[in-house]
Amino acid sequence: MTIHIESLAFEAIIGLLPHERITKQRVVVDIDIEYSYVEGLFINYAEVASSVETHLVSSEYELLEDALYGLQEMILSHYHTITRLSIKISKPDIMPNCIVALSDSWIV
């Protein structure tokens, strides 16, 4: 079974530059979660989406890399039936002519 959370958008502080440390910017997160579904043991996608937003807003990471690994750790520690996890974090407004993003996948 695979859960797809696509285009989860919110504002957070992620970045090294001085203005990125004080001004929130739009962040877009895409997540694919493969898990072993057993009747009665499911992953609540609304809960995952809310947890991801809360985690990134409260953590105020400097690097996308650290944000990515922080999300990986948070998600895998809460949902033990996950067999594969993919996360992409985009900063669509940081550059005028492109969308900057970072992604990774893990097999558990």
N, C-alpha and C. Protein backbone atom coordinates (compact mmCIF):
# COMPACT_ATOMS: atom_id res chain seq x y z
N MET A 1 0.86 -1.17 0.00
CA MET A 1 0.00 0.00 0.00
C MET A 1 0.90 1.23 0.00
N THR A 2 0.52 2.25 -0.76
CA THR A 2 1.31 3.48 -0.80
C THR A 2 0.42 4.70 -0.55
N ILE A 3 0.85 5.52 0.36
CA ILE A 3 0.21 6.82 0.62
C ILE A 3 1.02 7.87 -0.13
N HIS A 4 0.33 8.74 -0.85
CA HIS A 4 0.97 9.86 -1.54
C HIS A 4 0.43 11.15 -0.92
N ILE A 5 1.32 11.93 -0.37
CA ILE A 5 0.97 13.27 0.11
C ILE A 5 1.69 14.22 -0.83
N GLU A 6 0.91 14.93 -1.64
CA GLU A 6 1.50 15.76 -2.69
C GLU A 6 1.18 17.23 -2.46
N SER A 7 2.19 18.04 -2.68
CA SER A 7 2.04 19.51 -2.65
C SER A 7 1.52 20.03 -1.32
N LEU A 8 2.01 19.47 -0.23
CA LEU A 8 1.70 19.99 1.10
C LEU A 8 2.45 21.30 1.26
N ALA A 9 1.72 22.42 1.24
CA ALA A 9 2.35 23.74 1.21
C ALA A 9 2.05 24.52 2.49
N PHE A 10 3.08 25.19 3.00
CA PHE A 10 2.96 26.02 4.19
C PHE A 10 4.19 26.92 4.25
N GLU A 11 4.21 27.82 5.21
CA GLU A 11 5.35 28.72 5.37
C GLU A 11 6.18 28.30 6.57
N ALA A 12 7.51 28.31 6.38
CA ALA A 12 8.42 27.92 7.45
C ALA A 12 9.76 28.64 7.25
N ILE A 13 10.57 28.60 8.28
CA ILE A 13 11.92 29.13 8.18
C ILE A 13 12.85 27.97 7.89
N ILE A 14 13.42 27.97 6.68
CA ILE A 14 14.44 27.01 6.29
C ILE A 14 15.43 27.77 5.43
N GLY A 15 16.67 27.87 5.88
CA GLY A 15 17.67 28.55 5.08
C GLY A 15 18.81 29.11 5.91
N LEU A 16 19.91 29.40 5.22
CA LEU A 16 21.11 29.94 5.85
C LEU A 16 21.23 31.46 5.80
N LEU A 17 20.68 32.03 4.74
CA LEU A 17 20.85 33.48 4.53
C LEU A 17 20.13 34.28 5.62
N PRO A 18 20.64 35.45 5.97
CA PRO A 18 20.05 36.23 7.06
C PRO A 18 18.54 36.47 6.91
N HIS A 19 18.10 36.81 5.69
CA HIS A 19 16.65 37.06 5.52
C HIS A 19 15.84 35.77 5.63
N GLU A 20 16.46 34.61 5.34
CA GLU A 20 15.76 33.32 5.46
C GLU A 20 15.60 32.91 6.93
N ARG A 21 16.41 33.48 7.80
CA ARG A 21 16.35 33.14 9.22
C ARG A 21 15.25 33.91 9.94
N ILE A 22 14.76 35.00 9.33
CA ILE A 22 13.75 35.81 10.01
C ILE A 22 12.41 35.87 9.26
N THR A 23 12.43 35.56 7.97
CA THR A 23 11.21 35.64 7.18
C THR A 23 10.82 34.25 6.69
N LYS A 24 9.61 33.84 7.04
CA LYS A 24 9.13 32.54 6.57
C LYS A 24 8.98 32.57 5.06
N GLN A 25 9.21 31.43 4.45
CA GLN A 25 9.03 31.29 3.01
C GLN A 25 8.17 30.05 2.73
N ARG A 26 7.59 30.03 1.57
CA ARG A 26 6.74 28.90 1.20
C ARG A 26 7.60 27.67 0.99
N VAL A 27 7.14 26.57 1.57
CA VAL A 27 7.79 25.27 1.45
C VAL A 27 6.73 24.30 0.95
N VAL A 28 7.12 23.41 0.04
CA VAL A 28 6.19 22.40 -0.49
C VAL A 28 6.83 21.04 -0.26
N VAL A 29 6.07 20.13 0.34
CA VAL A 29 6.57 18.81 0.67
C VAL A 29 5.75 17.75 -0.05
N ASP A 30 6.45 16.79 -0.65
CA ASP A 30 5.82 15.62 -1.27
C ASP A 30 6.38 14.38 -0.57
N ILE A 31 5.49 13.47 -0.20
CA ILE A 31 5.90 12.28 0.53
C ILE A 31 5.20 11.06 -0.06
N ASP A 32 5.96 9.98 -0.24
CA ASP A 32 5.40 8.68 -0.59
C ASP A 32 5.77 7.74 0.53
N ILE A 33 4.76 7.06 1.07
CA ILE A 33 4.96 6.12 2.16
C ILE A 33 4.42 4.77 1.73
N GLU A 34 5.32 3.80 1.61
CA GLU A 34 4.88 2.42 1.38
C GLU A 34 4.85 1.73 2.73
N TYR A 35 3.78 0.98 2.96
CA TYR A 35 3.67 0.29 4.24
C TYR A 35 2.89 -1.00 4.09
N SER A 36 3.08 -1.85 5.08
CA SER A 36 2.37 -3.13 5.10
C SER A 36 1.04 -2.92 5.81
N TYR A 37 -0.03 -2.94 5.04
CA TYR A 37 -1.36 -2.74 5.62
C TYR A 37 -1.86 -4.03 6.23
N VAL A 38 -2.27 -3.95 7.45
CA VAL A 38 -2.92 -5.04 8.14
C VAL A 38 -4.23 -4.46 8.66
N GLU A 39 -5.31 -5.21 8.54
CA GLU A 39 -6.61 -4.70 8.95
C GLU A 39 -6.54 -4.12 10.36
N GLY A 40 -6.98 -2.90 10.47
CA GLY A 40 -6.96 -2.20 11.75
C GLY A 40 -5.67 -1.43 12.03
N LEU A 41 -4.62 -1.70 11.27
CA LEU A 41 -3.36 -0.98 11.43
C LEU A 41 -3.08 -0.18 10.17
N PHE A 42 -3.51 1.05 10.18
CA PHE A 42 -3.33 1.91 9.02
C PHE A 42 -2.58 3.17 9.42
N ILE A 43 -2.08 3.88 8.44
CA ILE A 43 -1.41 5.15 8.68
C ILE A 43 -2.37 6.27 8.29
N ASN A 44 -2.65 7.15 9.22
CA ASN A 44 -3.56 8.26 9.01
C ASN A 44 -2.83 9.37 8.26
N TYR A 45 -3.14 9.53 6.97
CA TYR A 45 -2.42 10.50 6.14
C TYR A 45 -2.61 11.93 6.61
N ALA A 46 -3.77 12.25 7.17
CA ALA A 46 -4.00 13.60 7.68
C ALA A 46 -3.09 13.88 8.88
N GLU A 47 -2.89 12.87 9.71
CA GLU A 47 -1.99 13.00 10.85
C GLU A 47 -0.54 13.18 10.39
N VAL A 48 -0.14 12.43 9.37
CA VAL A 48 1.22 12.57 8.83
C VAL A 48 1.43 13.98 8.30
N ALA A 49 0.49 14.47 7.50
CA ALA A 49 0.61 15.81 6.92
C ALA A 49 0.71 16.88 8.00
N SER A 50 -0.12 16.77 9.01
CA SER A 50 -0.09 17.74 10.10
C SER A 50 1.23 17.67 10.87
N SER A 51 1.72 16.46 11.12
CA SER A 51 2.98 16.28 11.84
C SER A 51 4.16 16.85 11.06
N VAL A 52 4.16 16.65 9.75
CA VAL A 52 5.23 17.17 8.89
C VAL A 52 5.25 18.69 8.97
N GLU A 53 4.10 19.32 8.82
CA GLU A 53 4.04 20.78 8.88
C GLU A 53 4.50 21.28 10.25
N THR A 54 3.98 20.71 11.30
CA THR A 54 4.35 21.12 12.66
C THR A 54 5.84 20.98 12.89
N HIS A 55 6.41 19.86 12.44
CA HIS A 55 7.84 19.61 12.64
C HIS A 55 8.69 20.65 11.91
N LEU A 56 8.39 20.90 10.65
CA LEU A 56 9.22 21.84 9.88
C LEU A 56 9.05 23.28 10.37
N VAL A 57 7.84 23.66 10.74
CA VAL A 57 7.62 25.03 11.22
C VAL A 57 8.35 25.25 12.55
N SER A 58 8.32 24.27 13.42
CA SER A 58 8.91 24.45 14.75
C SER A 58 10.43 24.26 14.76
N SER A 59 10.98 23.53 13.81
CA SER A 59 12.41 23.21 13.83
C SER A 59 13.30 24.31 13.27
N GLU A 60 12.82 25.09 12.32
CA GLU A 60 13.57 26.20 11.72
C GLU A 60 14.97 25.76 11.28
N TYR A 61 15.02 24.75 10.42
CA TYR A 61 16.29 24.21 9.92
C TYR A 61 17.04 25.25 9.08
N GLU A 62 18.35 25.15 9.09
CA GLU A 62 19.18 25.98 8.22
C GLU A 62 19.34 25.34 6.84
N LEU A 63 19.50 24.01 6.81
CA LEU A 63 19.74 23.32 5.55
C LEU A 63 18.56 22.42 5.17
N LEU A 64 18.26 22.37 3.89
CA LEU A 64 17.25 21.43 3.40
C LEU A 64 17.64 19.99 3.74
N GLU A 65 18.93 19.70 3.68
CA GLU A 65 19.41 18.35 4.01
C GLU A 65 19.02 17.97 5.43
N ASP A 66 19.23 18.88 6.38
CA ASP A 66 18.87 18.60 7.76
C ASP A 66 17.35 18.47 7.93
N ALA A 67 16.61 19.29 7.21
CA ALA A 67 15.15 19.21 7.25
C ALA A 67 14.67 17.86 6.73
N LEU A 68 15.27 17.42 5.65
CA LEU A 68 14.90 16.14 5.05
C LEU A 68 15.15 14.99 6.02
N TYR A 69 16.35 14.95 6.61
CA TYR A 69 16.67 13.87 7.54
C TYR A 69 15.88 13.98 8.84
N GLY A 70 15.56 15.19 9.25
CA GLY A 70 14.72 15.38 10.43
C GLY A 70 13.32 14.81 10.21
N LEU A 71 12.77 15.06 9.03
CA LEU A 71 11.45 14.50 8.70
C LEU A 71 11.51 12.98 8.62
N GLN A 72 12.56 12.46 8.00
CA GLN A 72 12.71 11.01 7.89
C GLN A 72 12.70 10.38 9.29
N GLU A 73 13.49 10.92 10.18
CA GLU A 73 13.57 10.39 11.54
C GLU A 73 12.24 10.48 12.26
N MET A 74 11.58 11.62 12.14
CA MET A 74 10.29 11.82 12.81
C MET A 74 9.24 10.84 12.30
N ILE A 75 9.13 10.71 10.98
CA ILE A 75 8.10 9.84 10.39
C ILE A 75 8.37 8.38 10.74
N LEU A 76 9.61 7.92 10.55
CA LEU A 76 9.90 6.51 10.81
C LEU A 76 9.78 6.15 12.29
N SER A 77 10.02 7.09 13.17
CA SER A 77 9.89 6.79 14.60
C SER A 77 8.43 6.66 15.04
N HIS A 78 7.51 7.25 14.28
CA HIS A 78 6.09 7.19 14.65
C HIS A 78 5.31 6.09 13.93
N TYR A 79 5.79 5.65 12.80
CA TYR A 79 5.02 4.70 11.98
C TYR A 79 5.90 3.50 11.64
N HIS A 80 5.73 2.43 12.40
CA HIS A 80 6.62 1.28 12.32
C HIS A 80 6.28 0.29 11.21
N THR A 81 5.18 0.49 10.51
CA THR A 81 4.82 -0.42 9.42
C THR A 81 5.35 0.07 8.07
N ILE A 82 6.07 1.19 8.06
CA ILE A 82 6.61 1.73 6.81
C ILE A 82 7.73 0.83 6.30
N THR A 83 7.67 0.54 5.00
CA THR A 83 8.72 -0.27 4.37
C THR A 83 9.60 0.56 3.44
N ARG A 84 9.07 1.68 2.96
CA ARG A 84 9.83 2.58 2.08
C ARG A 84 9.27 3.98 2.25
N LEU A 85 10.17 4.96 2.29
CA LEU A 85 9.78 6.35 2.49
C LEU A 85 10.53 7.23 1.51
N SER A 86 9.81 8.10 0.81
CA SER A 86 10.42 9.09 -0.08
C SER A 86 9.90 10.47 0.31
N ILE A 87 10.82 11.42 0.42
CA ILE A 87 10.45 12.79 0.79
C ILE A 87 11.12 13.76 -0.17
N LYS A 88 10.37 14.75 -0.59
CA LYS A 88 10.91 15.85 -1.40
C LYS A 88 10.47 17.15 -0.75
N ILE A 89 11.43 18.05 -0.52
CA ILE A 89 11.13 19.37 0.03
C ILE A 89 11.53 20.41 -1.02
N SER A 90 10.58 21.26 -1.39
CA SER A 90 10.82 22.30 -2.40
C SER A 90 10.68 23.68 -1.77
N LYS A 91 11.50 24.60 -2.27
CA LYS A 91 11.39 26.01 -1.92
C LYS A 91 11.10 26.74 -3.25
N PRO A 92 9.82 26.86 -3.61
CA PRO A 92 9.46 27.34 -4.94
C PRO A 92 9.69 28.82 -5.20
N ASP A 93 9.87 29.60 -4.16
CA ASP A 93 9.97 31.05 -4.36
C ASP A 93 11.35 31.62 -4.09
N ILE A 94 12.34 30.78 -3.81
CA ILE A 94 13.65 31.27 -3.42
C ILE A 94 14.44 31.84 -4.60
N MET A 95 14.22 31.31 -5.80
CA MET A 95 14.90 31.81 -6.99
C MET A 95 13.83 32.20 -8.01
N PRO A 96 14.07 33.26 -8.77
CA PRO A 96 13.03 33.76 -9.67
C PRO A 96 12.78 32.88 -10.90
N ASN A 97 13.75 32.06 -11.28
CA ASN A 97 13.59 31.33 -12.54
C ASN A 97 13.57 29.81 -12.40
N CYS A 98 13.45 29.31 -11.15
CA CYS A 98 13.38 27.86 -10.96
C CYS A 98 12.84 27.53 -9.57
N ILE A 99 12.52 26.27 -9.38
CA ILE A 99 12.12 25.75 -8.08
C ILE A 99 13.28 24.91 -7.56
N VAL A 100 13.74 25.20 -6.37
CA VAL A 100 14.82 24.46 -5.75
C VAL A 100 14.21 23.39 -4.86
N ALA A 101 14.73 22.15 -4.95
CA ALA A 101 14.20 21.05 -4.17
C ALA A 101 15.29 20.07 -3.81
N LEU A 102 15.02 19.29 -2.80
CA LEU A 102 15.92 18.24 -2.36
C LEU A 102 15.06 17.03 -2.03
N SER A 103 15.53 15.82 -2.39
CA SER A 103 14.75 14.62 -2.10
C SER A 103 15.66 13.45 -1.76
N ASP A 104 15.06 12.45 -1.12
CA ASP A 104 15.77 11.21 -0.83
C ASP A 104 14.72 10.13 -0.56
N SER A 105 15.17 8.87 -0.63
CA SER A 105 14.31 7.72 -0.37
C SER A 105 15.05 6.74 0.52
N TRP A 106 14.28 6.05 1.34
CA TRP A 106 14.84 5.07 2.24
C TRP A 106 14.02 3.79 2.22
N ILE A 107 14.71 2.67 2.19
CA ILE A 107 14.06 1.37 2.34
C ILE A 107 14.28 0.94 3.77
N VAL A 108 13.20 0.61 4.45
CA VAL A 108 13.28 0.30 5.87
C VAL A 108 13.27 -1.21 6.05
